[in-house]
N, C-alpha and C. Protein backbone atom coordinates (compact mmCIF):
# COMPACT_ATOMS: atom_id res chain seq x y z
N MET A 1 16.90 0.57 -20.83
CA MET A 1 17.10 -0.73 -20.16
C MET A 1 15.77 -1.47 -20.09
N SER A 2 15.79 -2.76 -20.33
CA SER A 2 14.56 -3.54 -20.41
C SER A 2 13.89 -3.69 -19.04
N LEU A 3 12.58 -3.83 -19.07
CA LEU A 3 11.80 -4.02 -17.86
C LEU A 3 11.96 -5.45 -17.35
N LYS A 4 12.26 -5.58 -16.07
CA LYS A 4 12.46 -6.91 -15.48
C LYS A 4 11.49 -7.23 -14.35
N ALA A 5 10.94 -6.20 -13.68
CA ALA A 5 10.13 -6.48 -12.50
C ALA A 5 9.04 -5.44 -12.29
N VAL A 6 7.97 -5.88 -11.65
CA VAL A 6 6.89 -4.99 -11.22
C VAL A 6 6.81 -5.05 -9.71
N LEU A 7 6.76 -3.89 -9.09
CA LEU A 7 6.65 -3.78 -7.64
C LEU A 7 5.28 -3.22 -7.31
N PHE A 8 4.46 -4.04 -6.68
CA PHE A 8 3.08 -3.66 -6.37
C PHE A 8 2.95 -3.13 -4.94
N ASP A 9 2.14 -2.09 -4.79
CA ASP A 9 1.64 -1.70 -3.48
C ASP A 9 0.57 -2.74 -3.08
N HIS A 10 0.16 -2.69 -1.82
CA HIS A 10 -0.80 -3.67 -1.30
C HIS A 10 -2.18 -3.05 -1.11
N ASP A 11 -2.32 -2.19 -0.10
CA ASP A 11 -3.63 -1.62 0.25
C ASP A 11 -4.14 -0.69 -0.84
N GLY A 12 -5.33 -0.99 -1.34
CA GLY A 12 -5.95 -0.15 -2.34
C GLY A 12 -5.48 -0.44 -3.75
N THR A 13 -4.37 -1.14 -3.90
CA THR A 13 -3.83 -1.48 -5.22
C THR A 13 -4.17 -2.92 -5.58
N LEU A 14 -3.82 -3.85 -4.71
CA LEU A 14 -4.14 -5.26 -4.93
C LEU A 14 -5.34 -5.72 -4.12
N VAL A 15 -5.54 -5.12 -2.95
CA VAL A 15 -6.66 -5.53 -2.09
C VAL A 15 -7.50 -4.32 -1.71
N ASP A 16 -8.79 -4.55 -1.59
CA ASP A 16 -9.75 -3.50 -1.24
C ASP A 16 -9.84 -3.41 0.28
N SER A 17 -8.85 -2.74 0.87
CA SER A 17 -8.72 -2.75 2.32
C SER A 17 -8.98 -1.41 2.99
N GLU A 18 -9.00 -0.32 2.22
CA GLU A 18 -9.00 1.00 2.85
C GLU A 18 -10.26 1.28 3.66
N SER A 19 -11.43 0.87 3.16
CA SER A 19 -12.66 1.09 3.93
C SER A 19 -12.62 0.31 5.24
N THR A 20 -12.04 -0.89 5.19
CA THR A 20 -11.91 -1.69 6.40
C THR A 20 -10.94 -1.04 7.37
N HIS A 21 -9.80 -0.54 6.85
CA HIS A 21 -8.85 0.14 7.72
C HIS A 21 -9.48 1.36 8.40
N MET A 22 -10.30 2.09 7.68
CA MET A 22 -10.97 3.25 8.28
C MET A 22 -11.85 2.81 9.45
N GLU A 23 -12.61 1.74 9.25
CA GLU A 23 -13.47 1.24 10.32
C GLU A 23 -12.65 0.74 11.50
N LEU A 24 -11.52 0.08 11.24
CA LEU A 24 -10.68 -0.41 12.33
C LEU A 24 -10.06 0.74 13.11
N TRP A 25 -9.68 1.82 12.42
CA TRP A 25 -9.18 3.01 13.12
C TRP A 25 -10.28 3.60 14.01
N ARG A 26 -11.49 3.62 13.51
CA ARG A 26 -12.61 4.15 14.31
C ARG A 26 -12.83 3.31 15.57
N ARG A 27 -12.75 2.01 15.44
CA ARG A 27 -12.90 1.15 16.61
C ARG A 27 -11.77 1.37 17.59
N ALA A 28 -10.56 1.60 17.07
CA ALA A 28 -9.39 1.77 17.93
C ALA A 28 -9.46 3.06 18.73
N VAL A 29 -9.95 4.12 18.12
CA VAL A 29 -9.92 5.44 18.76
C VAL A 29 -11.15 5.72 19.61
N GLU A 30 -12.25 5.01 19.35
CA GLU A 30 -13.50 5.28 20.06
C GLU A 30 -13.39 5.19 21.58
N PRO A 31 -12.73 4.18 22.16
CA PRO A 31 -12.64 4.10 23.62
C PRO A 31 -11.92 5.29 24.27
N TYR A 32 -11.16 6.03 23.47
CA TYR A 32 -10.42 7.18 23.99
C TYR A 32 -11.12 8.50 23.71
N GLY A 33 -12.38 8.39 23.24
CA GLY A 33 -13.16 9.60 22.99
C GLY A 33 -12.92 10.24 21.65
N GLY A 34 -12.32 9.51 20.74
CA GLY A 34 -12.01 10.06 19.42
C GLY A 34 -12.93 9.55 18.35
N PHE A 35 -12.86 10.19 17.19
CA PHE A 35 -13.62 9.75 16.02
C PHE A 35 -12.89 10.24 14.78
N ILE A 36 -13.26 9.67 13.63
CA ILE A 36 -12.66 10.03 12.35
C ILE A 36 -13.78 10.17 11.33
N THR A 37 -13.82 11.30 10.65
CA THR A 37 -14.81 11.48 9.60
C THR A 37 -14.32 10.86 8.30
N ASP A 38 -15.26 10.63 7.38
CA ASP A 38 -14.88 10.08 6.08
C ASP A 38 -13.88 10.99 5.38
N ASP A 39 -14.16 12.29 5.36
CA ASP A 39 -13.27 13.24 4.67
C ASP A 39 -11.88 13.25 5.28
N GLU A 40 -11.80 13.18 6.61
CA GLU A 40 -10.50 13.17 7.27
C GLU A 40 -9.68 11.95 6.85
N TYR A 41 -10.35 10.83 6.76
CA TYR A 41 -9.61 9.61 6.39
C TYR A 41 -9.16 9.64 4.93
N TRP A 42 -10.11 9.89 4.02
CA TRP A 42 -9.78 9.80 2.60
C TRP A 42 -8.81 10.89 2.15
N GLN A 43 -8.90 12.07 2.77
CA GLN A 43 -8.06 13.18 2.33
C GLN A 43 -6.72 13.27 3.06
N GLY A 44 -6.66 12.78 4.31
CA GLY A 44 -5.44 12.96 5.08
C GLY A 44 -4.76 11.71 5.58
N LEU A 45 -5.50 10.60 5.68
CA LEU A 45 -4.96 9.40 6.31
C LEU A 45 -4.75 8.25 5.33
N LEU A 46 -5.31 8.36 4.14
CA LEU A 46 -5.21 7.29 3.15
C LEU A 46 -3.77 7.10 2.68
N GLY A 47 -3.30 5.86 2.79
CA GLY A 47 -1.95 5.54 2.33
C GLY A 47 -0.84 5.97 3.25
N VAL A 48 -1.21 6.45 4.43
CA VAL A 48 -0.22 6.95 5.40
C VAL A 48 0.12 5.83 6.38
N PRO A 49 1.39 5.67 6.76
CA PRO A 49 1.79 4.62 7.69
C PRO A 49 1.06 4.70 9.03
N CYS A 50 0.97 3.57 9.71
CA CYS A 50 0.19 3.43 10.93
C CYS A 50 0.58 4.45 12.00
N GLU A 51 1.87 4.57 12.27
CA GLU A 51 2.32 5.48 13.33
C GLU A 51 1.97 6.92 13.01
N GLN A 52 2.12 7.30 11.74
CA GLN A 52 1.80 8.66 11.34
C GLN A 52 0.31 8.91 11.43
N ASN A 53 -0.50 7.92 11.04
CA ASN A 53 -1.94 8.05 11.19
C ASN A 53 -2.34 8.27 12.64
N ALA A 54 -1.75 7.49 13.54
CA ALA A 54 -2.07 7.62 14.96
C ALA A 54 -1.74 9.03 15.45
N GLU A 55 -0.59 9.53 15.05
CA GLU A 55 -0.18 10.88 15.46
C GLU A 55 -1.15 11.93 14.95
N LEU A 56 -1.57 11.79 13.69
CA LEU A 56 -2.50 12.74 13.10
C LEU A 56 -3.85 12.71 13.78
N ILE A 57 -4.34 11.50 14.10
CA ILE A 57 -5.64 11.36 14.75
C ILE A 57 -5.60 11.98 16.15
N ILE A 58 -4.53 11.73 16.88
CA ILE A 58 -4.38 12.30 18.23
C ILE A 58 -4.38 13.82 18.16
N GLN A 59 -3.69 14.38 17.17
CA GLN A 59 -3.65 15.84 17.01
C GLN A 59 -5.02 16.39 16.61
N LEU A 60 -5.70 15.71 15.70
CA LEU A 60 -7.00 16.17 15.25
C LEU A 60 -8.02 16.26 16.38
N ARG A 61 -8.01 15.26 17.24
CA ARG A 61 -9.01 15.19 18.30
C ARG A 61 -8.49 15.69 19.66
N GLY A 62 -7.22 16.03 19.73
CA GLY A 62 -6.65 16.49 21.00
C GLY A 62 -6.70 15.42 22.08
N LEU A 63 -6.39 14.19 21.72
CA LEU A 63 -6.51 13.07 22.65
C LEU A 63 -5.30 12.99 23.59
N ASP A 64 -5.57 12.61 24.81
CA ASP A 64 -4.51 12.50 25.82
C ASP A 64 -4.03 11.05 25.91
N ILE A 65 -3.52 10.54 24.78
CA ILE A 65 -2.95 9.20 24.74
C ILE A 65 -1.68 9.24 23.89
N SER A 66 -0.86 8.22 24.02
CA SER A 66 0.38 8.19 23.25
C SER A 66 0.14 7.57 21.87
N VAL A 67 1.04 7.85 20.96
CA VAL A 67 0.97 7.24 19.63
C VAL A 67 1.06 5.72 19.74
N ASP A 68 1.95 5.22 20.60
CA ASP A 68 2.10 3.77 20.77
C ASP A 68 0.82 3.12 21.25
N THR A 69 0.10 3.80 22.14
CA THR A 69 -1.16 3.25 22.67
C THR A 69 -2.19 3.09 21.55
N LEU A 70 -2.31 4.12 20.73
CA LEU A 70 -3.29 4.05 19.64
C LEU A 70 -2.87 3.06 18.57
N VAL A 71 -1.60 3.00 18.26
CA VAL A 71 -1.10 2.03 17.29
C VAL A 71 -1.39 0.61 17.78
N ASP A 72 -1.11 0.34 19.05
CA ASP A 72 -1.37 -0.99 19.61
C ASP A 72 -2.85 -1.35 19.51
N ALA A 73 -3.72 -0.37 19.77
CA ALA A 73 -5.16 -0.62 19.68
C ALA A 73 -5.57 -0.95 18.25
N LYS A 74 -5.03 -0.20 17.28
CA LYS A 74 -5.34 -0.48 15.88
C LYS A 74 -4.84 -1.86 15.48
N LEU A 75 -3.64 -2.24 15.91
CA LEU A 75 -3.10 -3.55 15.55
C LEU A 75 -3.93 -4.68 16.15
N ARG A 76 -4.43 -4.49 17.36
CA ARG A 76 -5.28 -5.52 17.98
C ARG A 76 -6.55 -5.71 17.16
N HIS A 77 -7.17 -4.62 16.74
CA HIS A 77 -8.39 -4.74 15.94
C HIS A 77 -8.09 -5.34 14.57
N THR A 78 -6.95 -5.02 14.01
CA THR A 78 -6.57 -5.59 12.72
C THR A 78 -6.35 -7.09 12.84
N GLU A 79 -5.68 -7.51 13.89
CA GLU A 79 -5.43 -8.94 14.09
C GLU A 79 -6.73 -9.71 14.30
N LEU A 80 -7.69 -9.11 15.00
CA LEU A 80 -9.00 -9.74 15.19
C LEU A 80 -9.70 -9.91 13.84
N PHE A 81 -9.61 -8.89 13.00
CA PHE A 81 -10.22 -8.97 11.67
C PHE A 81 -9.56 -10.06 10.84
N LEU A 82 -8.24 -10.10 10.84
CA LEU A 82 -7.51 -11.06 10.00
C LEU A 82 -7.62 -12.49 10.51
N ALA A 83 -8.00 -12.65 11.76
CA ALA A 83 -8.13 -14.01 12.33
C ALA A 83 -9.20 -14.81 11.61
N SER A 84 -10.14 -14.11 10.97
CA SER A 84 -11.23 -14.81 10.31
C SER A 84 -11.21 -14.64 8.78
N GLY A 85 -10.12 -14.07 8.25
CA GLY A 85 -10.06 -13.92 6.80
C GLY A 85 -9.00 -12.93 6.37
N CYS A 86 -9.19 -12.35 5.19
CA CYS A 86 -8.25 -11.37 4.66
C CYS A 86 -9.02 -10.32 3.88
N PHE A 87 -8.34 -9.28 3.48
CA PHE A 87 -8.98 -8.23 2.69
C PHE A 87 -9.32 -8.77 1.30
N PRO A 88 -10.49 -8.43 0.77
CA PRO A 88 -10.84 -8.91 -0.58
C PRO A 88 -9.94 -8.26 -1.63
N GLN A 89 -9.71 -8.98 -2.70
CA GLN A 89 -8.86 -8.46 -3.76
C GLN A 89 -9.59 -7.40 -4.57
N ILE A 90 -8.82 -6.46 -5.12
CA ILE A 90 -9.35 -5.52 -6.08
C ILE A 90 -9.83 -6.29 -7.31
N GLU A 91 -10.89 -5.83 -7.92
CA GLU A 91 -11.44 -6.53 -9.09
C GLU A 91 -10.36 -6.77 -10.15
N GLY A 92 -10.20 -8.01 -10.53
CA GLY A 92 -9.25 -8.37 -11.57
C GLY A 92 -7.82 -8.51 -11.11
N ALA A 93 -7.55 -8.34 -9.81
CA ALA A 93 -6.17 -8.37 -9.32
C ALA A 93 -5.49 -9.70 -9.60
N ASP A 94 -6.19 -10.79 -9.36
CA ASP A 94 -5.57 -12.10 -9.55
C ASP A 94 -5.12 -12.29 -10.99
N LEU A 95 -5.96 -11.90 -11.95
CA LEU A 95 -5.61 -12.05 -13.36
C LEU A 95 -4.41 -11.18 -13.72
N VAL A 96 -4.40 -9.92 -13.27
CA VAL A 96 -3.29 -9.01 -13.58
C VAL A 96 -1.98 -9.54 -13.02
N VAL A 97 -2.00 -9.96 -11.77
CA VAL A 97 -0.79 -10.45 -11.13
C VAL A 97 -0.25 -11.69 -11.84
N ARG A 98 -1.13 -12.63 -12.13
CA ARG A 98 -0.69 -13.89 -12.75
C ARG A 98 -0.21 -13.68 -14.19
N GLU A 99 -0.85 -12.80 -14.93
CA GLU A 99 -0.41 -12.54 -16.30
C GLU A 99 0.97 -11.88 -16.31
N LEU A 100 1.19 -10.91 -15.43
CA LEU A 100 2.49 -10.24 -15.40
C LEU A 100 3.58 -11.18 -14.90
N ALA A 101 3.21 -12.08 -13.99
CA ALA A 101 4.20 -13.03 -13.45
C ALA A 101 4.73 -13.99 -14.50
N GLU A 102 4.04 -14.11 -15.62
CA GLU A 102 4.50 -15.01 -16.69
C GLU A 102 5.78 -14.49 -17.35
N ASN A 103 5.98 -13.16 -17.34
CA ASN A 103 7.12 -12.57 -18.04
C ASN A 103 8.00 -11.68 -17.18
N LEU A 104 7.56 -11.38 -15.96
CA LEU A 104 8.28 -10.43 -15.13
C LEU A 104 8.40 -10.95 -13.70
N ARG A 105 9.42 -10.50 -13.02
CA ARG A 105 9.56 -10.79 -11.60
C ARG A 105 8.65 -9.83 -10.82
N LEU A 106 8.08 -10.32 -9.72
CA LEU A 106 7.17 -9.50 -8.94
C LEU A 106 7.69 -9.28 -7.52
N GLY A 107 7.51 -8.07 -7.03
CA GLY A 107 7.78 -7.75 -5.64
C GLY A 107 6.59 -7.01 -5.07
N LEU A 108 6.48 -7.02 -3.77
CA LEU A 108 5.40 -6.31 -3.10
C LEU A 108 6.02 -5.34 -2.10
N VAL A 109 5.62 -4.07 -2.20
CA VAL A 109 6.17 -3.02 -1.34
C VAL A 109 5.02 -2.31 -0.67
N SER A 110 4.82 -2.57 0.60
CA SER A 110 3.66 -2.06 1.32
C SER A 110 4.06 -1.24 2.54
N GLY A 111 3.29 -0.21 2.82
CA GLY A 111 3.49 0.55 4.04
C GLY A 111 2.77 -0.09 5.22
N SER A 112 2.01 -1.12 4.96
CA SER A 112 1.21 -1.79 5.99
C SER A 112 2.06 -2.76 6.79
N GLN A 113 1.44 -3.35 7.81
CA GLN A 113 2.14 -4.33 8.64
C GLN A 113 2.23 -5.66 7.90
N ARG A 114 3.27 -6.43 8.23
CA ARG A 114 3.50 -7.71 7.55
C ARG A 114 2.33 -8.67 7.77
N VAL A 115 1.69 -8.63 8.93
CA VAL A 115 0.59 -9.54 9.20
C VAL A 115 -0.54 -9.33 8.19
N CYS A 116 -0.78 -8.06 7.80
CA CYS A 116 -1.83 -7.78 6.81
C CYS A 116 -1.44 -8.31 5.44
N VAL A 117 -0.21 -8.05 5.04
CA VAL A 117 0.26 -8.45 3.72
C VAL A 117 0.30 -9.97 3.59
N GLU A 118 0.82 -10.64 4.58
CA GLU A 118 0.92 -12.10 4.51
C GLU A 118 -0.46 -12.76 4.49
N ALA A 119 -1.43 -12.16 5.18
CA ALA A 119 -2.79 -12.69 5.14
C ALA A 119 -3.36 -12.61 3.73
N SER A 120 -3.08 -11.49 3.04
CA SER A 120 -3.56 -11.34 1.67
C SER A 120 -2.87 -12.32 0.72
N LEU A 121 -1.56 -12.45 0.84
CA LEU A 121 -0.82 -13.36 -0.04
C LEU A 121 -1.30 -14.79 0.13
N LYS A 122 -1.49 -15.19 1.38
CA LYS A 122 -1.95 -16.55 1.64
C LYS A 122 -3.40 -16.73 1.21
N GLY A 123 -4.24 -15.77 1.57
CA GLY A 123 -5.67 -15.88 1.29
C GLY A 123 -6.00 -15.91 -0.19
N HIS A 124 -5.21 -15.21 -1.00
CA HIS A 124 -5.49 -15.14 -2.44
C HIS A 124 -4.56 -16.04 -3.26
N GLY A 125 -3.72 -16.83 -2.59
CA GLY A 125 -2.86 -17.75 -3.29
C GLY A 125 -1.73 -17.09 -4.07
N TRP A 126 -1.23 -15.97 -3.55
CA TRP A 126 -0.20 -15.21 -4.24
C TRP A 126 1.20 -15.38 -3.66
N THR A 127 1.34 -16.12 -2.60
CA THR A 127 2.62 -16.19 -1.89
C THR A 127 3.78 -16.56 -2.83
N ASP A 128 3.59 -17.53 -3.67
CA ASP A 128 4.67 -18.01 -4.54
C ASP A 128 4.93 -17.09 -5.73
N LEU A 129 4.05 -16.12 -5.97
CA LEU A 129 4.22 -15.25 -7.12
C LEU A 129 5.16 -14.08 -6.84
N PHE A 130 5.30 -13.73 -5.56
CA PHE A 130 6.09 -12.55 -5.20
C PHE A 130 7.45 -12.97 -4.66
N GLU A 131 8.47 -12.53 -5.37
CA GLU A 131 9.85 -12.90 -5.04
C GLU A 131 10.31 -12.28 -3.72
N GLN A 132 9.95 -11.01 -3.50
CA GLN A 132 10.31 -10.30 -2.28
C GLN A 132 9.12 -9.49 -1.79
N VAL A 133 9.02 -9.39 -0.47
CA VAL A 133 7.96 -8.60 0.16
C VAL A 133 8.60 -7.68 1.19
N VAL A 134 8.41 -6.38 1.02
CA VAL A 134 8.90 -5.40 1.98
C VAL A 134 7.69 -4.67 2.56
N THR A 135 7.59 -4.63 3.88
CA THR A 135 6.44 -4.00 4.54
C THR A 135 6.91 -2.85 5.41
N GLY A 136 5.93 -2.17 6.00
CA GLY A 136 6.26 -1.08 6.91
C GLY A 136 7.03 -1.54 8.13
N ASP A 137 6.94 -2.81 8.44
CA ASP A 137 7.69 -3.35 9.58
C ASP A 137 9.18 -3.48 9.29
N ASP A 138 9.55 -3.40 8.01
CA ASP A 138 10.92 -3.69 7.61
C ASP A 138 11.80 -2.46 7.43
N VAL A 139 11.21 -1.28 7.54
CA VAL A 139 11.98 -0.05 7.33
C VAL A 139 11.77 0.92 8.49
N ILE A 140 12.75 1.76 8.70
CA ILE A 140 12.64 2.77 9.76
C ILE A 140 11.72 3.90 9.32
N GLU A 141 11.87 4.32 8.06
CA GLU A 141 11.04 5.39 7.51
C GLU A 141 10.14 4.82 6.42
N ASN A 142 8.85 4.94 6.62
CA ASN A 142 7.86 4.36 5.72
C ASN A 142 7.53 5.34 4.59
N LYS A 143 6.70 4.90 3.67
CA LYS A 143 6.23 5.80 2.61
C LYS A 143 5.66 7.08 3.23
N PRO A 144 5.91 8.24 2.64
CA PRO A 144 6.43 8.54 1.30
C PRO A 144 7.96 8.51 1.17
N ASN A 145 8.67 8.14 2.22
CA ASN A 145 10.11 7.94 2.11
C ASN A 145 10.37 6.76 1.15
N PRO A 146 11.39 6.82 0.32
CA PRO A 146 11.64 5.75 -0.65
C PRO A 146 12.31 4.51 -0.08
N ALA A 147 12.56 4.46 1.24
CA ALA A 147 13.34 3.37 1.83
C ALA A 147 12.81 1.98 1.49
N SER A 148 11.50 1.79 1.50
CA SER A 148 10.94 0.46 1.24
C SER A 148 11.18 0.03 -0.20
N TYR A 149 11.07 0.96 -1.14
CA TYR A 149 11.34 0.62 -2.53
C TYR A 149 12.83 0.37 -2.77
N LEU A 150 13.66 1.16 -2.15
CA LEU A 150 15.10 0.94 -2.28
C LEU A 150 15.50 -0.41 -1.70
N ALA A 151 14.85 -0.81 -0.59
CA ALA A 151 15.13 -2.12 0.01
C ALA A 151 14.70 -3.24 -0.93
N ALA A 152 13.54 -3.07 -1.58
CA ALA A 152 13.03 -4.11 -2.46
C ALA A 152 13.94 -4.34 -3.66
N ILE A 153 14.38 -3.25 -4.31
CA ILE A 153 15.23 -3.45 -5.49
C ILE A 153 16.60 -3.99 -5.10
N GLU A 154 17.06 -3.65 -3.91
CA GLU A 154 18.33 -4.21 -3.43
C GLU A 154 18.18 -5.71 -3.19
N LEU A 155 17.11 -6.12 -2.54
CA LEU A 155 16.88 -7.54 -2.28
C LEU A 155 16.75 -8.34 -3.58
N MET A 156 16.19 -7.71 -4.60
CA MET A 156 15.97 -8.39 -5.87
C MET A 156 17.16 -8.26 -6.82
N GLY A 157 18.18 -7.51 -6.40
CA GLY A 157 19.36 -7.34 -7.22
C GLY A 157 19.08 -6.60 -8.51
N LEU A 158 18.21 -5.60 -8.46
CA LEU A 158 17.79 -4.87 -9.64
C LEU A 158 18.16 -3.39 -9.55
N ARG A 159 18.13 -2.73 -10.70
CA ARG A 159 18.26 -1.29 -10.75
C ARG A 159 16.87 -0.67 -10.83
N ALA A 160 16.76 0.55 -10.36
CA ALA A 160 15.45 1.22 -10.37
C ALA A 160 14.86 1.27 -11.77
N GLU A 161 15.70 1.54 -12.77
CA GLU A 161 15.20 1.68 -14.14
C GLU A 161 14.75 0.35 -14.74
N GLU A 162 15.01 -0.76 -14.07
CA GLU A 162 14.54 -2.05 -14.55
C GLU A 162 13.18 -2.43 -13.98
N CYS A 163 12.58 -1.51 -13.20
CA CYS A 163 11.34 -1.81 -12.50
C CYS A 163 10.24 -0.81 -12.83
N VAL A 164 9.03 -1.24 -12.60
CA VAL A 164 7.86 -0.37 -12.61
C VAL A 164 7.11 -0.60 -11.31
N ALA A 165 6.64 0.47 -10.69
CA ALA A 165 5.84 0.36 -9.47
C ALA A 165 4.39 0.67 -9.78
N VAL A 166 3.48 0.06 -9.04
CA VAL A 166 2.05 0.32 -9.18
C VAL A 166 1.53 0.78 -7.83
N GLU A 167 1.00 2.01 -7.80
CA GLU A 167 0.56 2.63 -6.55
C GLU A 167 -0.80 3.31 -6.74
N ASP A 168 -1.49 3.57 -5.60
CA ASP A 168 -2.79 4.23 -5.70
C ASP A 168 -2.93 5.44 -4.78
N THR A 169 -1.84 5.84 -4.11
CA THR A 169 -1.92 7.00 -3.22
C THR A 169 -0.73 7.93 -3.47
N GLN A 170 -0.89 9.16 -3.02
CA GLN A 170 0.19 10.14 -3.17
C GLN A 170 1.44 9.70 -2.44
N ALA A 171 1.28 9.16 -1.22
CA ALA A 171 2.44 8.72 -0.45
C ALA A 171 3.19 7.63 -1.18
N GLY A 172 2.46 6.69 -1.78
CA GLY A 172 3.11 5.59 -2.49
C GLY A 172 3.79 6.04 -3.77
N VAL A 173 3.11 6.89 -4.54
CA VAL A 173 3.69 7.40 -5.78
C VAL A 173 4.95 8.20 -5.47
N THR A 174 4.89 9.01 -4.43
CA THR A 174 6.06 9.81 -4.04
C THR A 174 7.23 8.91 -3.66
N ALA A 175 6.96 7.86 -2.91
CA ALA A 175 8.02 6.94 -2.46
C ALA A 175 8.68 6.24 -3.64
N ALA A 176 7.88 5.67 -4.53
CA ALA A 176 8.43 4.94 -5.66
C ALA A 176 9.19 5.86 -6.60
N SER A 177 8.63 7.02 -6.87
CA SER A 177 9.28 7.97 -7.77
C SER A 177 10.60 8.47 -7.19
N ALA A 178 10.61 8.70 -5.87
CA ALA A 178 11.84 9.17 -5.23
C ALA A 178 12.93 8.11 -5.28
N ALA A 179 12.54 6.84 -5.40
CA ALA A 179 13.52 5.76 -5.54
C ALA A 179 13.99 5.62 -6.99
N GLY A 180 13.47 6.45 -7.89
CA GLY A 180 13.88 6.41 -9.28
C GLY A 180 13.14 5.41 -10.13
N ILE A 181 12.00 4.92 -9.62
CA ILE A 181 11.23 3.88 -10.31
C ILE A 181 10.07 4.49 -11.08
N ARG A 182 9.91 4.10 -12.34
CA ARG A 182 8.73 4.51 -13.09
C ARG A 182 7.49 4.02 -12.36
N THR A 183 6.51 4.91 -12.20
CA THR A 183 5.37 4.56 -11.37
C THR A 183 4.06 4.73 -12.13
N VAL A 184 3.23 3.71 -12.05
CA VAL A 184 1.87 3.76 -12.58
C VAL A 184 0.96 4.15 -11.42
N ALA A 185 0.29 5.28 -11.54
CA ALA A 185 -0.59 5.76 -10.48
C ALA A 185 -2.03 5.45 -10.84
N ILE A 186 -2.72 4.76 -9.94
CA ILE A 186 -4.13 4.43 -10.16
C ILE A 186 -4.99 5.47 -9.46
N ARG A 187 -5.71 6.25 -10.25
CA ARG A 187 -6.57 7.29 -9.70
C ARG A 187 -7.96 6.71 -9.46
N ASN A 188 -8.36 6.62 -8.19
CA ASN A 188 -9.69 6.13 -7.86
C ASN A 188 -10.43 7.21 -7.08
N PRO A 189 -11.71 7.01 -6.78
CA PRO A 189 -12.46 8.05 -6.06
C PRO A 189 -11.84 8.45 -4.73
N PHE A 190 -11.16 7.53 -4.07
CA PHE A 190 -10.56 7.82 -2.78
C PHE A 190 -9.32 8.69 -2.89
N SER A 191 -8.64 8.62 -4.04
CA SER A 191 -7.41 9.40 -4.22
C SER A 191 -7.60 10.54 -5.21
N ALA A 192 -8.83 11.01 -5.34
CA ALA A 192 -9.15 12.02 -6.34
C ALA A 192 -8.33 13.29 -6.17
N SER A 193 -8.00 13.64 -4.93
CA SER A 193 -7.28 14.89 -4.67
C SER A 193 -5.77 14.70 -4.53
N HIS A 194 -5.27 13.48 -4.72
CA HIS A 194 -3.85 13.20 -4.51
C HIS A 194 -3.00 13.72 -5.66
N ASP A 195 -1.78 14.12 -5.33
CA ASP A 195 -0.83 14.64 -6.32
C ASP A 195 -0.04 13.48 -6.93
N PHE A 196 -0.31 13.19 -8.20
CA PHE A 196 0.37 12.11 -8.92
C PHE A 196 1.32 12.66 -9.98
N SER A 197 1.75 13.88 -9.80
CA SER A 197 2.55 14.52 -10.84
C SER A 197 3.89 13.84 -11.09
N SER A 198 4.40 13.10 -10.11
CA SER A 198 5.70 12.43 -10.30
C SER A 198 5.57 11.06 -10.96
N ALA A 199 4.35 10.61 -11.22
CA ALA A 199 4.13 9.30 -11.83
C ALA A 199 4.46 9.34 -13.32
N ALA A 200 4.83 8.19 -13.86
CA ALA A 200 5.08 8.09 -15.29
C ALA A 200 3.78 8.11 -16.08
N VAL A 201 2.72 7.57 -15.48
CA VAL A 201 1.41 7.53 -16.14
C VAL A 201 0.34 7.40 -15.07
N GLU A 202 -0.84 7.92 -15.37
CA GLU A 202 -1.99 7.79 -14.47
C GLU A 202 -3.07 6.99 -15.19
N VAL A 203 -3.63 5.98 -14.50
CA VAL A 203 -4.66 5.12 -15.10
C VAL A 203 -5.85 5.03 -14.15
N PRO A 204 -7.01 4.58 -14.66
CA PRO A 204 -8.20 4.55 -13.81
C PRO A 204 -8.36 3.30 -12.95
N ASP A 205 -7.65 2.22 -13.28
CA ASP A 205 -7.84 0.99 -12.51
C ASP A 205 -6.65 0.05 -12.70
N LEU A 206 -6.67 -1.04 -11.95
CA LEU A 206 -5.56 -2.00 -11.99
C LEU A 206 -5.45 -2.69 -13.35
N ALA A 207 -6.57 -2.98 -13.97
CA ALA A 207 -6.52 -3.63 -15.28
C ALA A 207 -5.80 -2.74 -16.29
N ALA A 208 -6.05 -1.44 -16.25
CA ALA A 208 -5.38 -0.51 -17.15
C ALA A 208 -3.89 -0.45 -16.84
N ALA A 209 -3.56 -0.53 -15.56
CA ALA A 209 -2.14 -0.56 -15.17
C ALA A 209 -1.46 -1.78 -15.77
N GLY A 210 -2.12 -2.92 -15.71
CA GLY A 210 -1.56 -4.14 -16.27
C GLY A 210 -1.35 -4.02 -17.77
N ARG A 211 -2.30 -3.41 -18.47
CA ARG A 211 -2.17 -3.25 -19.93
C ARG A 211 -1.00 -2.33 -20.26
N TRP A 212 -0.83 -1.26 -19.49
CA TRP A 212 0.27 -0.33 -19.74
C TRP A 212 1.62 -1.01 -19.55
N ILE A 213 1.72 -1.82 -18.51
CA ILE A 213 2.97 -2.52 -18.24
C ILE A 213 3.26 -3.55 -19.34
N LYS A 214 2.26 -4.30 -19.75
CA LYS A 214 2.47 -5.31 -20.79
C LYS A 214 2.90 -4.67 -22.10
N ALA A 215 2.47 -3.43 -22.34
CA ALA A 215 2.84 -2.74 -23.58
C ALA A 215 4.32 -2.38 -23.59
N LEU A 216 4.97 -2.39 -22.42
CA LEU A 216 6.38 -2.10 -22.34
C LEU A 216 7.26 -3.29 -22.71
N LEU A 217 6.68 -4.46 -22.72
CA LEU A 217 7.46 -5.68 -22.98
C LEU A 217 7.76 -5.86 -24.46
């Protein structure tokens, strides 16, 4: 069946946000006596939904606070950051997105909050390029559950085999693959230890992902 659409992840795939998210988590947890090491974030928290991250951080540090309290703190810090801008795009993201949009329908499937995604779309001038946007706010079970990808293809009236997903974390690759979607996994230094065995192909960067997808047309 011919390729009709590309479904992009957001954090780490289109925008360089993960280092910022790590710093925002650190700010959120510090008042409660917590901290997060680089290794803890990159190996265990990268690409994981907000609520799950909060739960993991509380367990790691033995904090006497609720998951909702820590999530609210992280969201406040995120909103303060986004009030003055958006996450910078991954190198070459604008070119890849616009070139693929010439021949394919685009969707965005993110485990992040809608406020983060919409700030990126507006800030980089991508709002009109993406037909549907599904975020972590829109599903009960976030990545690695396939619910967000299944919602996206339903909204777009597509079959899984008519789509390709682009992801950069194990949670994202697992989610897209479980939805039956061919997945391009971007292996970067932050995801060096992630399991991408369910992906259709592994590439080193977004530009390579774009070339692989264009070769399918």
